[in-house]
Amino acid sequence: MARQRRSFSTAFKVEAASLVVDQGYSMAEASRAVDVGESALRRWVNQLRAERDGVTPSTKALTPEQQRIQELEARVNRLEREKAILKKATVSSTGRCND
């Protein structure tokens, strides 16, 4: 029987990673304490350290600051797409662009 993949909340990932980053646990100790594999914990630790250094992750952010940055980047992208659509509509209806 196949083992079902577990999913973890962002808060859980931050707590687990902070055992290593902030509280001095070894990777093995922390993974046993929270009952997750070392490879998953290592990814969370690396992501938490990178986010704290200001790197916006390509996956779902762990820290509130990086989560906000991802939300704002998504909003900017959506607004830029809408602007491009409106610009094309203006060009096609008037035959020229009104920048």
C-alpha atoms as a PDB file:
ATOM      1  CA  MET A   1       0.000   0.000   0.000  1.00  0.00           C
ATOM      2  CA  ALA A   2       1.359   3.396  -0.999  1.00  0.00           C
ATOM      3  CA  ARG A   3       2.187   5.823   1.758  1.00  0.00           C
ATOM      4  CA  GLN A   4       0.201   9.028   1.538  1.00  0.00           C
ATOM      5  CA  ARG A   5       2.237  12.191   1.190  1.00  0.00           C
ATOM      6  CA  ARG A   6       1.975  14.466   4.221  1.00  0.00           C
ATOM      7  CA  SER A   7       1.574  18.202   3.887  1.00  0.00           C
ATOM      8  CA  PHE A   8       2.650  20.756   6.447  1.00  0.00           C
ATOM      9  CA  SER A   9       1.461  24.273   7.168  1.00  0.00           C
ATOM     10  CA  THR A  10       3.762  27.216   6.673  1.00  0.00           C
ATOM     11  CA  ALA A  11       3.730  27.865  10.419  1.00  0.00           C
ATOM     12  CA  PHE A  12       4.857  24.290  11.110  1.00  0.00           C
ATOM     13  CA  LYS A  13       7.700  24.592   8.592  1.00  0.00           C
ATOM     14  CA  VAL A  14       8.904  27.843  10.175  1.00  0.00           C
ATOM     15  CA  GLU A  15       8.776  26.341  13.674  1.00  0.00           C
ATOM     16  CA  ALA A  16      10.634  23.219  12.572  1.00  0.00           C
ATOM     17  CA  ALA A  17      13.300  25.178  10.675  1.00  0.00           C
ATOM     18  CA  SER A  18      13.771  27.630  13.535  1.00  0.00           C
ATOM     19  CA  LEU A  19      14.751  24.725  15.808  1.00  0.00           C
ATOM     20  CA  VAL A  20      17.915  24.472  13.697  1.00  0.00           C
ATOM     21  CA  VAL A  21      18.350  28.129  12.738  1.00  0.00           C
ATOM     22  CA  ASP A  22      17.505  29.816  16.035  1.00  0.00           C
ATOM     23  CA  GLN A  23      17.707  27.173  18.767  1.00  0.00           C
ATOM     24  CA  GLY A  24      20.860  25.291  17.810  1.00  0.00           C
ATOM     25  CA  TYR A  25      19.361  21.846  17.224  1.00  0.00           C
ATOM     26  CA  SER A  26      21.203  19.589  14.822  1.00  0.00           C
ATOM     27  CA  MET A  27      19.344  18.589  11.671  1.00  0.00           C
ATOM     28  CA  ALA A  28      18.945  15.018  13.005  1.00  0.00           C
ATOM     29  CA  GLU A  29      17.688  16.171  16.422  1.00  0.00           C
ATOM     30  CA  ALA A  30      15.169  18.571  14.931  1.00  0.00           C
ATOM     31  CA  SER A  31      13.880  16.076  12.372  1.00  0.00           C
ATOM     32  CA  ARG A  32      13.283  13.514  15.126  1.00  0.00           C
ATOM     33  CA  ALA A  33      11.641  16.119  17.375  1.00  0.00           C
ATOM     34  CA  VAL A  34       9.084  17.137  14.737  1.00  0.00           C
ATOM     35  CA  ASP A  35       8.846  13.733  13.009  1.00  0.00           C
ATOM     36  CA  VAL A  36       9.810  14.810   9.496  1.00  0.00           C
ATOM     37  CA  GLY A  37      12.561  13.606   7.195  1.00  0.00           C
ATOM     38  CA  GLU A  38      15.922  15.321   7.297  1.00  0.00           C
ATOM     39  CA  SER A  39      15.773  16.201   3.602  1.00  0.00           C
ATOM     40  CA  ALA A  40      12.457  18.061   4.010  1.00  0.00           C
ATOM     41  CA  LEU A  41      13.740  19.841   7.114  1.00  0.00           C
ATOM     42  CA  ARG A  42      16.968  20.771   5.304  1.00  0.00           C
ATOM     43  CA  ARG A  43      14.931  22.387   2.489  1.00  0.00           C
ATOM     44  CA  TRP A  44      12.911  24.382   5.028  1.00  0.00           C
ATOM     45  CA  VAL A  45      16.047  25.466   6.901  1.00  0.00           C
ATOM     46  CA  ASN A  46      17.738  26.588   3.682  1.00  0.00           C
ATOM     47  CA  GLN A  47      14.610  28.436   2.591  1.00  0.00           C
ATOM     48  CA  LEU A  48      14.193  30.159   5.968  1.00  0.00           C
ATOM     49  CA  ARG A  49      17.831  31.283   5.973  1.00  0.00           C
ATOM     50  CA  ALA A  50      17.555  32.563   2.395  1.00  0.00           C
ATOM     51  CA  GLU A  51      14.322  34.437   3.111  1.00  0.00           C
ATOM     52  CA  ARG A  52      15.836  36.053   6.179  1.00  0.00           C
ATOM     53  CA  ASP A  53      18.691  37.187   3.926  1.00  0.00           C
ATOM     54  CA  GLY A  54      16.132  38.866   1.662  1.00  0.00           C
ATOM     55  CA  VAL A  55      15.908  36.275  -1.110  1.00  0.00           C
ATOM     56  CA  THR A  56      12.385  35.846  -2.477  1.00  0.00           C
ATOM     57  CA  PRO A  57      11.800  32.111  -2.947  1.00  0.00           C
ATOM     58  CA  SER A  58      10.368  30.531  -6.074  1.00  0.00           C
ATOM     59  CA  THR A  59       8.148  28.320  -3.901  1.00  0.00           C
ATOM     60  CA  LYS A  60       5.631  29.432  -1.280  1.00  0.00           C
ATOM     61  CA  ALA A  61       7.332  31.801   1.153  1.00  0.00           C
ATOM     62  CA  LEU A  62       7.750  30.967   4.829  1.00  0.00           C
ATOM     63  CA  THR A  63       8.249  34.391   6.386  1.00  0.00           C
ATOM     64  CA  PRO A  64       5.447  36.982   6.436  1.00  0.00           C
ATOM     65  CA  GLU A  65       7.677  39.537   4.716  1.00  0.00           C
ATOM     66  CA  GLN A  66       8.450  37.232   1.803  1.00  0.00           C
ATOM     67  CA  GLN A  67       4.793  36.174   1.607  1.00  0.00           C
ATOM     68  CA  ARG A  68       3.848  39.853   1.224  1.00  0.00           C
ATOM     69  CA  ILE A  69       6.522  40.355  -1.432  1.00  0.00           C
ATOM     70  CA  GLN A  70       5.158  37.384  -3.393  1.00  0.00           C
ATOM     71  CA  GLU A  71       1.608  38.774  -3.128  1.00  0.00           C
ATOM     72  CA  LEU A  72       2.739  42.185  -4.360  1.00  0.00           C
ATOM     73  CA  GLU A  73       4.779  40.708  -7.212  1.00  0.00           C
ATOM     74  CA  ALA A  74       1.745  38.689  -8.318  1.00  0.00           C
ATOM     75  CA  ARG A  75      -0.388  41.838  -8.190  1.00  0.00           C
ATOM     76  CA  VAL A  76       2.138  43.823 -10.227  1.00  0.00           C
ATOM     77  CA  ASN A  77       2.270  41.041 -12.834  1.00  0.00           C
ATOM     78  CA  ARG A  78      -1.526  40.932 -13.061  1.00  0.00           C
ATOM     79  CA  LEU A  79      -1.750  44.725 -13.437  1.00  0.00           C
ATOM     80  CA  GLU A  80       0.958  44.716 -16.119  1.00  0.00           C
ATOM     81  CA  ARG A  81      -0.953  42.056 -18.079  1.00  0.00           C
ATOM     82  CA  GLU A  82      -4.160  44.089 -17.772  1.00  0.00           C
ATOM     83  CA  LYS A  83      -2.323  47.210 -18.945  1.00  0.00           C
ATOM     84  CA  ALA A  84      -0.953  45.359 -21.969  1.00  0.00           C
ATOM     85  CA  ILE A  85      -4.443  44.127 -22.859  1.00  0.00           C
ATOM     86  CA  LEU A  86      -5.870  47.630 -22.559  1.00  0.00           C
ATOM     87  CA  LYS A  87      -3.020  49.047 -24.603  1.00  0.00           C
ATOM     88  CA  LYS A  88      -3.700  46.536 -27.393  1.00  0.00           C
ATOM     89  CA  ALA A  89      -7.414  47.336 -27.255  1.00  0.00           C
ATOM     90  CA  THR A  90      -6.666  51.056 -27.544  1.00  0.00           C
ATOM     91  CA  VAL A  91      -4.327  50.518 -30.501  1.00  0.00           C
ATOM     92  CA  SER A  92      -6.807  48.320 -32.332  1.00  0.00           C
ATOM     93  CA  SER A  93      -9.765  50.673 -31.793  1.00  0.00           C
ATOM     94  CA  THR A  94      -7.977  53.955 -32.606  1.00  0.00           C
ATOM     95  CA  GLY A  95      -5.164  52.755 -34.795  1.00  0.00           C
ATOM     96  CA  ARG A  96      -2.568  54.317 -32.529  1.00  0.00           C
ATOM     97  CA  CYS A  97      -1.313  54.081 -28.974  1.00  0.00           C
ATOM     98  CA  ASN A  98      -2.134  56.766 -26.367  1.00  0.00           C
ATOM     99  CA  ASP A  99       0.719  56.421 -23.842  1.00  0.00           C
END
